[in-house]
N, C-alpha and C. Protein backbone atom coordinates (compact mmCIF):
# COMPACT_ATOMS: atom_id res chain seq x y z
N UNK A 1 124.99 -78.56 -21.71
CA UNK A 1 125.92 -79.67 -21.68
C UNK A 1 127.22 -79.20 -21.04
N UNK A 2 127.87 -80.04 -20.33
CA UNK A 2 129.10 -79.69 -19.64
C UNK A 2 130.27 -80.49 -20.21
N UNK A 3 131.41 -79.81 -20.34
CA UNK A 3 132.61 -80.45 -20.87
C UNK A 3 133.69 -80.41 -19.80
N UNK A 4 134.55 -81.39 -19.81
CA UNK A 4 135.67 -81.42 -18.89
C UNK A 4 136.95 -81.46 -19.71
N UNK A 5 137.61 -80.30 -19.82
CA UNK A 5 138.84 -80.23 -20.60
C UNK A 5 140.03 -80.57 -19.72
N UNK A 6 141.07 -81.12 -20.33
CA UNK A 6 142.30 -81.37 -19.56
C UNK A 6 142.97 -80.03 -19.23
N UNK A 7 143.87 -80.03 -18.30
CA UNK A 7 144.63 -78.82 -17.98
C UNK A 7 145.49 -78.44 -19.18
N UNK A 8 145.63 -77.13 -19.43
CA UNK A 8 146.47 -76.63 -20.51
C UNK A 8 147.91 -76.68 -20.08
N UNK A 9 148.86 -77.05 -20.93
CA UNK A 9 148.64 -77.73 -22.20
C UNK A 9 148.24 -79.18 -22.00
N UNK A 10 147.63 -79.84 -22.88
CA UNK A 10 147.37 -79.44 -24.26
C UNK A 10 146.14 -78.54 -24.35
N UNK A 11 146.06 -77.87 -25.48
CA UNK A 11 144.93 -77.02 -25.79
C UNK A 11 143.68 -77.89 -25.96
N UNK A 12 142.56 -77.41 -25.43
CA UNK A 12 141.30 -78.14 -25.58
C UNK A 12 140.17 -77.15 -25.78
N UNK A 13 139.29 -77.44 -26.72
CA UNK A 13 138.14 -76.59 -26.98
C UNK A 13 136.95 -77.34 -27.54
N UNK A 14 137.18 -78.48 -28.15
CA UNK A 14 136.13 -79.19 -28.85
C UNK A 14 134.95 -79.45 -27.93
N UNK A 15 133.77 -79.09 -28.25
CA UNK A 15 133.25 -78.59 -29.51
C UNK A 15 133.11 -77.07 -29.57
N UNK A 16 133.69 -76.32 -28.65
CA UNK A 16 133.49 -74.87 -28.57
C UNK A 16 134.39 -74.09 -29.52
N UNK A 17 133.87 -72.97 -29.99
CA UNK A 17 134.65 -72.04 -30.82
C UNK A 17 134.49 -70.61 -30.32
N UNK A 18 133.88 -70.44 -29.15
CA UNK A 18 133.69 -69.10 -28.59
C UNK A 18 133.91 -69.13 -27.08
N UNK A 19 134.25 -67.95 -26.53
CA UNK A 19 134.43 -67.86 -25.07
C UNK A 19 133.15 -68.20 -24.33
N UNK A 20 132.01 -67.77 -24.88
CA UNK A 20 130.74 -68.02 -24.22
C UNK A 20 130.51 -69.52 -24.05
N UNK A 21 130.80 -70.28 -25.07
CA UNK A 21 130.66 -71.74 -25.00
C UNK A 21 131.63 -72.31 -23.96
N UNK A 22 132.84 -71.80 -23.95
CA UNK A 22 133.84 -72.30 -23.00
C UNK A 22 133.41 -72.13 -21.55
N UNK A 23 132.69 -71.06 -21.26
CA UNK A 23 132.25 -70.80 -19.90
C UNK A 23 131.10 -71.67 -19.45
N UNK A 24 130.49 -72.36 -20.39
CA UNK A 24 129.41 -73.31 -20.10
C UNK A 24 128.28 -72.68 -19.28
N UNK A 25 128.09 -71.36 -19.44
CA UNK A 25 127.06 -70.63 -18.70
C UNK A 25 127.22 -70.75 -17.19
N UNK A 26 128.42 -71.10 -16.74
CA UNK A 26 128.69 -71.24 -15.30
C UNK A 26 129.92 -70.46 -14.85
N UNK A 27 130.87 -70.27 -15.74
CA UNK A 27 132.15 -69.70 -15.34
C UNK A 27 132.46 -68.41 -16.11
N UNK A 28 133.21 -67.53 -15.46
CA UNK A 28 133.67 -66.31 -16.14
C UNK A 28 134.60 -66.68 -17.28
N UNK A 29 134.58 -65.86 -18.32
CA UNK A 29 135.50 -66.05 -19.44
C UNK A 29 136.22 -64.76 -19.80
N UNK A 30 135.93 -63.68 -19.08
CA UNK A 30 136.57 -62.39 -19.32
C UNK A 30 136.65 -61.66 -17.99
N UNK A 31 137.79 -60.95 -17.78
CA UNK A 31 138.04 -60.30 -16.50
C UNK A 31 138.51 -58.86 -16.70
N UNK A 32 137.62 -57.94 -17.10
CA UNK A 32 138.04 -56.55 -17.33
C UNK A 32 138.45 -55.84 -16.04
N UNK A 33 137.99 -56.32 -14.90
CA UNK A 33 138.32 -55.71 -13.61
C UNK A 33 139.76 -55.97 -13.17
N UNK A 34 140.52 -56.77 -13.91
CA UNK A 34 141.88 -57.11 -13.47
C UNK A 34 142.96 -56.21 -14.06
N UNK A 35 142.59 -55.25 -14.90
CA UNK A 35 143.59 -54.31 -15.43
C UNK A 35 144.24 -53.58 -14.26
N UNK A 36 145.57 -53.58 -14.21
CA UNK A 36 146.31 -52.90 -13.15
C UNK A 36 146.55 -53.73 -11.91
N UNK A 37 146.01 -54.94 -11.86
CA UNK A 37 146.17 -55.83 -10.71
C UNK A 37 147.47 -56.64 -10.88
N UNK A 38 148.14 -56.93 -9.77
CA UNK A 38 149.36 -57.74 -9.83
C UNK A 38 149.01 -59.12 -10.38
N UNK A 39 149.91 -59.69 -11.19
CA UNK A 39 149.62 -60.95 -11.88
C UNK A 39 149.33 -62.12 -10.94
N UNK A 40 149.96 -62.16 -9.78
CA UNK A 40 149.70 -63.25 -8.84
C UNK A 40 148.26 -63.20 -8.33
N UNK A 41 147.80 -62.00 -7.99
CA UNK A 41 146.42 -61.83 -7.54
C UNK A 41 145.44 -62.12 -8.68
N UNK A 42 145.78 -61.65 -9.89
CA UNK A 42 144.93 -61.88 -11.06
C UNK A 42 144.79 -63.37 -11.33
N UNK A 43 145.89 -64.10 -11.27
CA UNK A 43 145.84 -65.54 -11.51
C UNK A 43 144.93 -66.22 -10.49
N UNK A 44 145.07 -65.86 -9.23
CA UNK A 44 144.25 -66.46 -8.19
C UNK A 44 142.76 -66.19 -8.43
N UNK A 45 142.43 -64.97 -8.80
CA UNK A 45 141.03 -64.61 -9.08
C UNK A 45 140.50 -65.42 -10.26
N UNK A 46 141.28 -65.49 -11.33
CA UNK A 46 140.85 -66.23 -12.52
C UNK A 46 140.65 -67.70 -12.20
N UNK A 47 141.59 -68.31 -11.50
CA UNK A 47 141.49 -69.73 -11.18
C UNK A 47 140.30 -70.02 -10.25
N UNK A 48 139.97 -69.08 -9.37
CA UNK A 48 138.80 -69.24 -8.50
C UNK A 48 137.50 -69.07 -9.29
N UNK A 49 137.51 -68.14 -10.24
CA UNK A 49 136.32 -67.87 -11.05
C UNK A 49 136.05 -68.97 -12.08
N UNK A 50 137.11 -69.59 -12.58
CA UNK A 50 136.94 -70.59 -13.63
C UNK A 50 137.98 -71.70 -13.44
N UNK A 51 137.57 -72.79 -12.77
CA UNK A 51 138.51 -73.88 -12.48
C UNK A 51 138.88 -74.72 -13.71
N UNK A 52 138.32 -74.41 -14.86
CA UNK A 52 138.62 -75.17 -16.08
C UNK A 52 139.84 -74.65 -16.82
N UNK A 53 140.42 -73.53 -16.37
CA UNK A 53 141.50 -72.89 -17.12
C UNK A 53 142.83 -72.92 -16.38
N UNK A 54 143.89 -72.77 -17.15
CA UNK A 54 145.23 -72.47 -16.64
C UNK A 54 145.60 -71.10 -17.16
N UNK A 55 146.47 -70.42 -16.42
CA UNK A 55 146.89 -69.07 -16.79
C UNK A 55 148.27 -69.11 -17.39
N UNK A 56 148.45 -68.36 -18.49
CA UNK A 56 149.74 -68.23 -19.16
C UNK A 56 150.14 -66.76 -19.10
N UNK A 57 151.35 -66.46 -18.64
CA UNK A 57 151.83 -65.08 -18.55
C UNK A 57 152.61 -64.72 -19.81
N UNK A 58 152.30 -63.54 -20.37
CA UNK A 58 152.99 -63.04 -21.56
C UNK A 58 153.37 -61.59 -21.34
N UNK A 59 154.48 -61.14 -21.94
CA UNK A 59 154.88 -59.74 -21.78
C UNK A 59 153.94 -58.81 -22.53
N UNK A 60 153.76 -57.59 -21.97
CA UNK A 60 152.96 -56.58 -22.64
C UNK A 60 153.52 -56.36 -24.05
N UNK A 61 152.66 -56.31 -25.03
CA UNK A 61 153.10 -56.16 -26.41
C UNK A 61 153.45 -57.48 -27.06
N UNK A 62 153.42 -58.56 -26.29
CA UNK A 62 153.70 -59.88 -26.84
C UNK A 62 152.57 -60.34 -27.74
N UNK A 63 152.84 -61.34 -28.50
CA UNK A 63 151.86 -61.89 -29.43
C UNK A 63 150.89 -62.81 -28.70
N UNK A 64 149.62 -62.66 -29.00
CA UNK A 64 148.62 -63.60 -28.48
C UNK A 64 148.84 -64.94 -29.16
N UNK A 65 148.54 -65.99 -28.45
CA UNK A 65 148.67 -67.32 -29.01
C UNK A 65 147.52 -67.54 -29.99
N UNK A 66 147.81 -68.02 -31.19
CA UNK A 66 146.84 -68.07 -32.27
C UNK A 66 145.80 -69.18 -32.12
N UNK A 67 146.11 -70.22 -31.44
CA UNK A 67 145.18 -71.35 -31.32
C UNK A 67 144.20 -71.06 -30.18
N UNK A 68 142.90 -71.15 -30.47
CA UNK A 68 141.87 -70.91 -29.47
C UNK A 68 141.77 -72.11 -28.53
N UNK A 69 141.82 -71.84 -27.22
CA UNK A 69 141.76 -72.91 -26.22
C UNK A 69 140.79 -72.53 -25.10
N UNK A 70 139.84 -73.38 -24.82
CA UNK A 70 138.91 -73.14 -23.71
C UNK A 70 139.57 -73.26 -22.35
N UNK A 71 140.70 -73.90 -22.30
CA UNK A 71 141.34 -74.15 -21.01
C UNK A 71 142.57 -73.26 -20.77
N UNK A 72 142.59 -72.09 -21.44
CA UNK A 72 143.74 -71.18 -21.28
C UNK A 72 143.26 -69.73 -21.18
N UNK A 73 143.92 -68.98 -20.29
CA UNK A 73 143.74 -67.53 -20.20
C UNK A 73 145.13 -66.92 -20.24
N UNK A 74 145.36 -66.00 -21.16
CA UNK A 74 146.64 -65.29 -21.25
C UNK A 74 146.55 -64.00 -20.45
N UNK A 75 147.56 -63.76 -19.63
CA UNK A 75 147.68 -62.50 -18.90
C UNK A 75 148.87 -61.75 -19.49
N UNK A 76 148.60 -60.59 -20.07
CA UNK A 76 149.65 -59.72 -20.59
C UNK A 76 150.05 -58.76 -19.48
N UNK A 77 151.34 -58.79 -19.13
CA UNK A 77 151.82 -58.03 -17.98
C UNK A 77 152.93 -57.06 -18.39
N UNK A 78 153.07 -56.00 -17.59
CA UNK A 78 154.14 -55.04 -17.83
C UNK A 78 155.37 -55.41 -16.98
N UNK A 79 156.35 -54.53 -16.98
CA UNK A 79 157.60 -54.80 -16.26
C UNK A 79 157.42 -54.81 -14.74
N UNK A 80 156.28 -54.29 -14.26
CA UNK A 80 155.99 -54.29 -12.83
C UNK A 80 155.07 -55.45 -12.44
N UNK A 81 154.85 -56.36 -13.37
CA UNK A 81 153.99 -57.53 -13.15
C UNK A 81 152.53 -57.16 -12.89
N UNK A 82 152.08 -56.10 -13.58
CA UNK A 82 150.69 -55.68 -13.51
C UNK A 82 149.98 -56.06 -14.81
N UNK A 83 148.72 -56.47 -14.71
CA UNK A 83 147.93 -56.85 -15.88
C UNK A 83 147.70 -55.61 -16.73
N UNK A 84 147.99 -55.71 -18.04
CA UNK A 84 147.86 -54.58 -18.95
C UNK A 84 146.85 -54.76 -20.06
N UNK A 85 146.29 -55.95 -20.19
CA UNK A 85 145.28 -56.25 -21.21
C UNK A 85 144.20 -57.11 -20.54
N UNK A 86 142.96 -56.93 -20.95
CA UNK A 86 141.87 -57.69 -20.32
C UNK A 86 142.09 -59.19 -20.55
N UNK A 87 142.22 -59.96 -19.48
CA UNK A 87 142.36 -61.42 -19.63
C UNK A 87 141.06 -62.05 -20.11
N UNK A 88 141.17 -62.94 -21.09
CA UNK A 88 140.02 -63.64 -21.63
C UNK A 88 140.38 -65.10 -21.88
N UNK A 89 139.38 -65.96 -21.83
CA UNK A 89 139.58 -67.36 -22.21
C UNK A 89 139.86 -67.40 -23.71
N UNK A 90 140.74 -68.27 -24.10
CA UNK A 90 141.01 -68.43 -25.52
C UNK A 90 142.44 -68.70 -25.76
């Protein structure tokens, strides 16, 4: 089954509660290869891999957003704007 979530915000996930469900067996939901990549390039890769998500930038060491969202990927970046944590849907 395929779902069409609105752009984040607002948060959307229903009926999913896992990244696997959010990817609908068609889209990436995790990007371990983006560690060390500049955030602009990382965002472009994520948006091309999964058109259902929006990217949110957060500082390294920042708090993850507690509400699970199928239409959001957080990128944790350092002071040089490099990805420092594996980006995942949620």
